[in-house]
Amino acid sequence: MKPIIIYSTPSCVYCKMAKAYFDQKGVKYEEKDVMVDEVGREEMIKKSGQLGVPVLDIDGKIIIGFDKSAINEAVGIK
């Protein structure tokens, strides 16, 4: 399985949707709460140039927002 990191905040609706989608599909991921994780926040900004969440790092491919078709393609979900 490809390594997946979700950069999120607790109040982000699209973050919750992304995590629920991965859970539904049985896809494992690491979550970094950028509200409290300064290192994770800086890492997210460096990778994406974004301050908004969610930012997904799927095996080095950066996806901004909950883009189901991009997620499916990156993970290999049909």
PDB file of N, CA and C in Angstrom:
ATOM      1  N   MET A   1       0.851  -1.186   0.000  1.00  0.00           N
ATOM      2  CA  MET A   1       0.000   0.000   0.000  1.00  0.00           C
ATOM      3  C   MET A   1       0.893   1.244   0.000  1.00  0.00           C
ATOM      4  N   LYS A   2       0.495   2.228  -0.768  1.00  0.00           N
ATOM      5  CA  LYS A   2       1.252   3.471  -0.862  1.00  0.00           C
ATOM      6  C   LYS A   2       1.109   4.262   0.436  1.00  0.00           C
ATOM      7  N   PRO A   3       2.201   4.907   0.897  1.00  0.00           N
ATOM      8  CA  PRO A   3       2.085   5.727   2.111  1.00  0.00           C
ATOM      9  C   PRO A   3       1.218   6.962   1.852  1.00  0.00           C
ATOM     10  N   ILE A   4       0.304   7.234   2.777  1.00  0.00           N
ATOM     11  CA  ILE A   4      -0.621   8.358   2.644  1.00  0.00           C
ATOM     12  C   ILE A   4      -0.577   9.197   3.910  1.00  0.00           C
ATOM     13  N   ILE A   5      -0.430  10.511   3.738  1.00  0.00           N
ATOM     14  CA  ILE A   5      -0.509  11.450   4.853  1.00  0.00           C
ATOM     15  C   ILE A   5      -1.632  12.426   4.544  1.00  0.00           C
ATOM     16  N   ILE A   6      -2.523  12.625   5.523  1.00  0.00           N
ATOM     17  CA  ILE A   6      -3.568  13.634   5.400  1.00  0.00           C
ATOM     18  C   ILE A   6      -3.239  14.748   6.373  1.00  0.00           C
ATOM     19  N   TYR A   7      -3.017  15.942   5.853  1.00  0.00           N
ATOM     20  CA  TYR A   7      -2.821  17.132   6.670  1.00  0.00           C
ATOM     21  C   TYR A   7      -4.209  17.740   6.857  1.00  0.00           C
ATOM     22  N   SER A   8      -4.624  17.879   8.121  1.00  0.00           N
ATOM     23  CA  SER A   8      -6.010  18.260   8.387  1.00  0.00           C
ATOM     24  C   SER A   8      -6.124  19.132   9.629  1.00  0.00           C
ATOM     25  N   THR A   9      -7.351  19.578   9.854  1.00  0.00           N
ATOM     26  CA  THR A   9      -7.718  20.240  11.112  1.00  0.00           C
ATOM     27  C   THR A   9      -9.005  19.586  11.602  1.00  0.00           C
ATOM     28  N   PRO A  10      -9.270  19.652  12.905  1.00  0.00           N
ATOM     29  CA  PRO A  10     -10.466  18.993  13.449  1.00  0.00           C
ATOM     30  C   PRO A  10     -11.790  19.519  12.899  1.00  0.00           C
ATOM     31  N   SER A  11     -11.846  20.779  12.509  1.00  0.00           N
ATOM     32  CA  SER A  11     -13.115  21.360  12.073  1.00  0.00           C
ATOM     33  C   SER A  11     -13.330  21.304  10.555  1.00  0.00           C
ATOM     34  N   CYS A  12     -12.402  20.754   9.819  1.00  0.00           N
ATOM     35  CA  CYS A  12     -12.462  20.738   8.352  1.00  0.00           C
ATOM     36  C   CYS A  12     -13.400  19.638   7.853  1.00  0.00           C
ATOM     37  N   VAL A  13     -14.483  20.042   7.206  1.00  0.00           N
ATOM     38  CA  VAL A  13     -15.469  19.095   6.685  1.00  0.00           C
ATOM     39  C   VAL A  13     -14.858  18.213   5.597  1.00  0.00           C
ATOM     40  N   TYR A  14     -14.077  18.801   4.701  1.00  0.00           N
ATOM     41  CA  TYR A  14     -13.493  18.018   3.611  1.00  0.00           C
ATOM     42  C   TYR A  14     -12.421  17.053   4.117  1.00  0.00           C
ATOM     43  N   CYS A  15     -11.752  17.413   5.205  1.00  0.00           N
ATOM     44  CA  CYS A  15     -10.798  16.494   5.839  1.00  0.00           C
ATOM     45  C   CYS A  15     -11.545  15.269   6.355  1.00  0.00           C
ATOM     46  N   LYS A  16     -12.665  15.508   7.016  1.00  0.00           N
ATOM     47  CA  LYS A  16     -13.483  14.413   7.545  1.00  0.00           C
ATOM     48  C   LYS A  16     -13.988  13.526   6.415  1.00  0.00           C
ATOM     49  N   MET A  17     -14.369  14.146   5.296  1.00  0.00           N
ATOM     50  CA  MET A  17     -14.838  13.378   4.145  1.00  0.00           C
ATOM     51  C   MET A  17     -13.721  12.500   3.582  1.00  0.00           C
ATOM     52  N   ALA A  18     -12.515  13.045   3.495  1.00  0.00           N
ATOM     53  CA  ALA A  18     -11.381  12.277   2.973  1.00  0.00           C
ATOM     54  C   ALA A  18     -11.059  11.101   3.889  1.00  0.00           C
ATOM     55  N   LYS A  19     -11.028  11.348   5.195  1.00  0.00           N
ATOM     56  CA  LYS A  19     -10.728  10.266   6.143  1.00  0.00           C
ATOM     57  C   LYS A  19     -11.813   9.199   6.110  1.00  0.00           C
ATOM     58  N   ALA A  20     -13.080   9.617   6.045  1.00  0.00           N
ATOM     59  CA  ALA A  20     -14.193   8.662   5.980  1.00  0.00           C
ATOM     60  C   ALA A  20     -14.107   7.833   4.693  1.00  0.00           C
ATOM     61  N   TYR A  21     -13.724   8.469   3.593  1.00  0.00           N
ATOM     62  CA  TYR A  21     -13.597   7.759   2.321  1.00  0.00           C
ATOM     63  C   TYR A  21     -12.498   6.696   2.410  1.00  0.00           C
ATOM     64  N   PHE A  22     -11.351   7.069   2.958  1.00  0.00           N
ATOM     65  CA  PHE A  22     -10.270   6.097   3.129  1.00  0.00           C
ATOM     66  C   PHE A  22     -10.697   4.964   4.060  1.00  0.00           C
ATOM     67  N   ASP A  23     -11.370   5.304   5.150  1.00  0.00           N
ATOM     68  CA  ASP A  23     -11.848   4.278   6.079  1.00  0.00           C
ATOM     69  C   ASP A  23     -12.814   3.323   5.383  1.00  0.00           C
ATOM     70  N   GLN A  24     -13.727   3.878   4.591  1.00  0.00           N
ATOM     71  CA  GLN A  24     -14.713   3.080   3.861  1.00  0.00           C
ATOM     72  C   GLN A  24     -14.028   2.122   2.890  1.00  0.00           C
ATOM     73  N   LYS A  25     -12.949   2.576   2.267  1.00  0.00           N
ATOM     74  CA  LYS A  25     -12.228   1.772   1.279  1.00  0.00           C
ATOM     75  C   LYS A  25     -11.159   0.880   1.915  1.00  0.00           C
ATOM     76  N   GLY A  26     -10.978   0.989   3.245  1.00  0.00           N
ATOM     77  CA  GLY A  26      -9.982   0.172   3.930  1.00  0.00           C
ATOM     78  C   GLY A  26      -8.552   0.609   3.654  1.00  0.00           C
ATOM     79  N   VAL A  27      -8.378   1.895   3.373  1.00  0.00           N
ATOM     80  CA  VAL A  27      -7.053   2.435   3.048  1.00  0.00           C
ATOM     81  C   VAL A  27      -6.453   3.064   4.306  1.00  0.00           C
ATOM     82  N   LYS A  28      -5.257   2.632   4.647  1.00  0.00           N
ATOM     83  CA  LYS A  28      -4.565   3.157   5.827  1.00  0.00           C
ATOM     84  C   LYS A  28      -3.915   4.500   5.494  1.00  0.00           C
ATOM     85  N   TYR A  29      -3.898   5.383   6.488  1.00  0.00           N
ATOM     86  CA  TYR A  29      -3.292   6.698   6.294  1.00  0.00           C
ATOM     87  C   TYR A  29      -2.760   7.202   7.628  1.00  0.00           C
ATOM     88  N   GLU A  30      -1.874   8.174   7.535  1.00  0.00           N
ATOM     89  CA  GLU A  30      -1.369   8.886   8.709  1.00  0.00           C
ATOM     90  C   GLU A  30      -1.983  10.271   8.686  1.00  0.00           C
ATOM     91  N   GLU A  31      -2.502  10.701   9.826  1.00  0.00           N
ATOM     92  CA  GLU A  31      -3.105  12.025   9.902  1.00  0.00           C
ATOM     93  C   GLU A  31      -2.193  12.968  10.676  1.00  0.00           C
ATOM     94  N   LYS A  32      -2.041  14.178  10.163  1.00  0.00           N
ATOM     95  CA  LYS A  32      -1.292  15.212  10.870  1.00  0.00           C
ATOM     96  C   LYS A  32      -2.221  16.406  11.068  1.00  0.00           C
ATOM     97  N   ASP A  33      -2.542  16.700  12.313  1.00  0.00           N
ATOM     98  CA  ASP A  33      -3.411  17.828  12.665  1.00  0.00           C
ATOM     99  C   ASP A  33      -2.567  19.089  12.685  1.00  0.00           C
ATOM    100  N   VAL A  34      -2.686  19.895  11.634  1.00  0.00           N
ATOM    101  CA  VAL A  34      -1.833  21.062  11.479  1.00  0.00           C
ATOM    102  C   VAL A  34      -2.212  22.211  12.411  1.00  0.00           C
ATOM    103  N   MET A  35      -3.297  22.059  13.154  1.00  0.00           N
ATOM    104  CA  MET A  35      -3.648  23.061  14.171  1.00  0.00           C
ATOM    105  C   MET A  35      -2.681  22.985  15.356  1.00  0.00           C
ATOM    106  N   VAL A  36      -2.227  21.779  15.675  1.00  0.00           N
ATOM    107  CA  VAL A  36      -1.358  21.589  16.834  1.00  0.00           C
ATOM    108  C   VAL A  36       0.045  21.097  16.474  1.00  0.00           C
ATOM    109  N   ASP A  37       0.209  20.572  15.285  1.00  0.00           N
ATOM    110  CA  ASP A  37       1.489  20.005  14.860  1.00  0.00           C
ATOM    111  C   ASP A  37       2.219  21.022  13.980  1.00  0.00           C
ATOM    112  N   GLU A  38       3.088  21.830  14.613  1.00  0.00           N
ATOM    113  CA  GLU A  38       3.819  22.871  13.874  1.00  0.00           C
ATOM    114  C   GLU A  38       4.713  22.296  12.792  1.00  0.00           C
ATOM    115  N   VAL A  39       5.383  21.197  13.101  1.00  0.00           N
ATOM    116  CA  VAL A  39       6.267  20.563  12.124  1.00  0.00           C
ATOM    117  C   VAL A  39       5.439  20.061  10.940  1.00  0.00           C
ATOM    118  N   GLY A  40       4.299  19.445  11.241  1.00  0.00           N
ATOM    119  CA  GLY A  40       3.402  18.971  10.184  1.00  0.00           C
ATOM    120  C   GLY A  40       2.884  20.112   9.333  1.00  0.00           C
ATOM    121  N   ARG A  41       2.542  21.238   9.975  1.00  0.00           N
ATOM    122  CA  ARG A  41       2.044  22.406   9.238  1.00  0.00           C
ATOM    123  C   ARG A  41       3.113  22.925   8.274  1.00  0.00           C
ATOM    124  N   GLU A  42       4.342  23.071   8.757  1.00  0.00           N
ATOM    125  CA  GLU A  42       5.437  23.544   7.900  1.00  0.00           C
ATOM    126  C   GLU A  42       5.709  22.562   6.764  1.00  0.00           C
ATOM    127  N   GLU A  43       5.636  21.277   7.070  1.00  0.00           N
ATOM    128  CA  GLU A  43       5.824  20.229   6.071  1.00  0.00           C
ATOM    129  C   GLU A  43       4.749  20.354   4.975  1.00  0.00           C
ATOM    130  N   MET A  44       3.491  20.545   5.388  1.00  0.00           N
ATOM    131  CA  MET A  44       2.373  20.691   4.461  1.00  0.00           C
ATOM    132  C   MET A  44       2.576  21.902   3.550  1.00  0.00           C
ATOM    133  N   ILE A  45       2.951  23.030   4.134  1.00  0.00           N
ATOM    134  CA  ILE A  45       3.148  24.255   3.358  1.00  0.00           C
ATOM    135  C   ILE A  45       4.299  24.079   2.366  1.00  0.00           C
ATOM    136  N   LYS A  46       5.377  23.448   2.812  1.00  0.00           N
ATOM    137  CA  LYS A  46       6.532  23.220   1.943  1.00  0.00           C
ATOM    138  C   LYS A  46       6.154  22.318   0.765  1.00  0.00           C
ATOM    139  N   LYS A  47       5.369  21.280   1.029  1.00  0.00           N
ATOM    140  CA  LYS A  47       4.982  20.343  -0.023  1.00  0.00           C
ATOM    141  C   LYS A  47       3.976  20.939  -0.998  1.00  0.00           C
ATOM    142  N   SER A  48       3.023  21.732  -0.475  1.00  0.00           N
ATOM    143  CA  SER A  48       1.882  22.142  -1.295  1.00  0.00           C
ATOM    144  C   SER A  48       1.829  23.630  -1.631  1.00  0.00           C
ATOM    145  N   GLY A  49       2.505  24.449  -0.828  1.00  0.00           N
ATOM    146  CA  GLY A  49       2.377  25.891  -0.991  1.00  0.00           C
ATOM    147  C   GLY A  49       1.031  26.410  -0.505  1.00  0.00           C
ATOM    148  N   GLN A  50       0.293  25.579   0.210  1.00  0.00           N
ATOM    149  CA  GLN A  50      -1.069  25.889   0.644  1.00  0.00           C
ATOM    150  C   GLN A  50      -1.144  26.054   2.162  1.00  0.00           C
ATOM    151  N   LEU A  51      -2.066  26.896   2.578  1.00  0.00           N
ATOM    152  CA  LEU A  51      -2.395  27.011   4.000  1.00  0.00           C
ATOM    153  C   LEU A  51      -3.702  26.293   4.307  1.00  0.00           C
ATOM    154  N   GLY A  52      -4.510  26.039   3.276  1.00  0.00           N
ATOM    155  CA  GLY A  52      -5.803  25.377   3.459  1.00  0.00           C
ATOM    156  C   GLY A  52      -5.648  23.873   3.521  1.00  0.00           C
ATOM    157  N   VAL A  53      -6.633  23.233   4.133  1.00  0.00           N
ATOM    158  CA  VAL A  53      -6.661  21.778   4.262  1.00  0.00           C
ATOM    159  C   VAL A  53      -7.947  21.247   3.643  1.00  0.00           C
ATOM    160  N   PRO A  54      -8.022  19.988   3.311  1.00  0.00           N
ATOM    161  CA  PRO A  54      -6.980  18.985   3.456  1.00  0.00           C
ATOM    162  C   PRO A  54      -5.933  19.063   2.342  1.00  0.00           C
ATOM    163  N   VAL A  55      -4.746  18.646   2.707  1.00  0.00           N
ATOM    164  CA  VAL A  55      -3.694  18.382   1.738  1.00  0.00           C
ATOM    165  C   VAL A  55      -3.347  16.913   1.924  1.00  0.00           C
ATOM    166  N   LEU A  56      -3.377  16.168   0.839  1.00  0.00           N
ATOM    167  CA  LEU A  56      -3.067  14.746   0.888  1.00  0.00           C
ATOM    168  C   LEU A  56      -1.760  14.494   0.163  1.00  0.00           C
ATOM    169  N   ASP A  57      -0.890  13.729   0.799  1.00  0.00           N
ATOM    170  CA  ASP A  57       0.365  13.296   0.187  1.00  0.00           C
ATOM    171  C   ASP A  57       0.241  11.794   0.000  1.00  0.00           C
ATOM    172  N   ILE A  58       0.028  11.381  -1.244  1.00  0.00           N
ATOM    173  CA  ILE A  58      -0.127   9.962  -1.549  1.00  0.00           C
ATOM    174  C   ILE A  58       1.111   9.517  -2.315  1.00  0.00           C
ATOM    175  N   ASP A  59       2.024   8.920  -1.574  1.00  0.00           N
ATOM    176  CA  ASP A  59       3.278   8.428  -2.149  1.00  0.00           C
ATOM    177  C   ASP A  59       3.995   9.521  -2.935  1.00  0.00           C
ATOM    178  N   GLY A  60       3.989  10.759  -2.381  1.00  0.00           N
ATOM    179  CA  GLY A  60       4.680  11.881  -3.011  1.00  0.00           C
ATOM    180  C   GLY A  60       3.819  12.713  -3.942  1.00  0.00           C
ATOM    181  N   LYS A  61       2.634  12.217  -4.303  1.00  0.00           N
ATOM    182  CA  LYS A  61       1.707  12.997  -5.140  1.00  0.00           C
ATOM    183  C   LYS A  61       0.849  13.855  -4.215  1.00  0.00           C
ATOM    184  N   ILE A  62       0.854  15.158  -4.433  1.00  0.00           N
ATOM    185  CA  ILE A  62       0.119  16.086  -3.577  1.00  0.00           C
ATOM    186  C   ILE A  62      -1.249  16.373  -4.189  1.00  0.00           C
ATOM    187  N   ILE A  63      -2.288  16.169  -3.377  1.00  0.00           N
ATOM    188  CA  ILE A  63      -3.660  16.469  -3.776  1.00  0.00           C
ATOM    189  C   ILE A  63      -4.214  17.468  -2.779  1.00  0.00           C
ATOM    190  N   ILE A  64      -4.753  18.561  -3.292  1.00  0.00           N
ATOM    191  CA  ILE A  64      -5.306  19.610  -2.442  1.00  0.00           C
ATOM    192  C   ILE A  64      -6.819  19.503  -2.477  1.00  0.00           C
ATOM    193  N   GLY A  65      -7.411  19.395  -1.292  1.00  0.00           N
ATOM    194  CA  GLY A  65      -8.860  19.246  -1.202  1.00  0.00           C
ATOM    195  C   GLY A  65      -9.270  17.790  -1.316  1.00  0.00           C
ATOM    196  N   PHE A  66     -10.581  17.566  -1.222  1.00  0.00           N
ATOM    197  CA  PHE A  66     -11.123  16.213  -1.345  1.00  0.00           C
ATOM    198  C   PHE A  66     -11.543  15.999  -2.797  1.00  0.00           C
ATOM    199  N   ASP A  67     -10.591  15.566  -3.603  1.00  0.00           N
ATOM    200  CA  ASP A  67     -10.803  15.322  -5.026  1.00  0.00           C
ATOM    201  C   ASP A  67     -10.830  13.807  -5.218  1.00  0.00           C
ATOM    202  N   LYS A  68     -12.038  13.258  -5.191  1.00  0.00           N
ATOM    203  CA  LYS A  68     -12.193  11.802  -5.186  1.00  0.00           C
ATOM    204  C   LYS A  68     -11.555  11.143  -6.408  1.00  0.00           C
ATOM    205  N   SER A  69     -11.699  11.734  -7.587  1.00  0.00           N
ATOM    206  CA  SER A  69     -11.125  11.102  -8.778  1.00  0.00           C
ATOM    207  C   SER A  69      -9.593  11.119  -8.730  1.00  0.00           C
ATOM    208  N   ALA A  70      -9.002  12.199  -8.246  1.00  0.00           N
ATOM    209  CA  ALA A  70      -7.538  12.258  -8.117  1.00  0.00           C
ATOM    210  C   ALA A  70      -7.056  11.269  -7.054  1.00  0.00           C
ATOM    211  N   ILE A  71      -7.820  11.151  -5.962  1.00  0.00           N
ATOM    212  CA  ILE A  71      -7.478  10.192  -4.906  1.00  0.00           C
ATOM    213  C   ILE A  71      -7.535   8.763  -5.458  1.00  0.00           C
ATOM    214  N   ASN A  72      -8.638   8.450  -6.154  1.00  0.00           N
ATOM    215  CA  ASN A  72      -8.789   7.104  -6.724  1.00  0.00           C
ATOM    216  C   ASN A  72      -7.643   6.762  -7.653  1.00  0.00           C
ATOM    217  N   GLU A  73      -7.257   7.715  -8.489  1.00  0.00           N
ATOM    218  CA  GLU A  73      -6.160   7.487  -9.428  1.00  0.00           C
ATOM    219  C   GLU A  73      -4.840   7.287  -8.690  1.00  0.00           C
ATOM    220  N   ALA A  74      -4.569   8.116  -7.691  1.00  0.00           N
ATOM    221  CA  ALA A  74      -3.298   8.040  -6.954  1.00  0.00           C
ATOM    222  C   ALA A  74      -3.182   6.769  -6.126  1.00  0.00           C
ATOM    223  N   VAL A  75      -4.313   6.336  -5.561  1.00  0.00           N
ATOM    224  CA  VAL A  75      -4.290   5.144  -4.691  1.00  0.00           C
ATOM    225  C   VAL A  75      -4.498   3.860  -5.493  1.00  0.00           C
ATOM    226  N   GLY A  76      -5.173   3.981  -6.635  1.00  0.00           N
ATOM    227  CA  GLY A  76      -5.485   2.788  -7.428  1.00  0.00           C
ATOM    228  C   GLY A  76      -6.847   2.204  -7.082  1.00  0.00           C
ATOM    229  N   ILE A  77      -7.759   3.052  -6.617  1.00  0.00           N
ATOM    230  CA  ILE A  77      -9.126   2.629  -6.297  1.00  0.00           C
ATOM    231  C   ILE A  77      -9.955   2.760  -7.567  1.00  0.00           C
ATOM    232  N   LYS A  78     -10.746   1.726  -7.843  1.00  0.00           N
ATOM    233  CA  LYS A  78     -11.607   1.776  -9.041  1.00  0.00           C
ATOM    234  C   LYS A  78     -13.021   2.067  -8.672  1.00  0.00           C
TER     235      LYS A  78
END
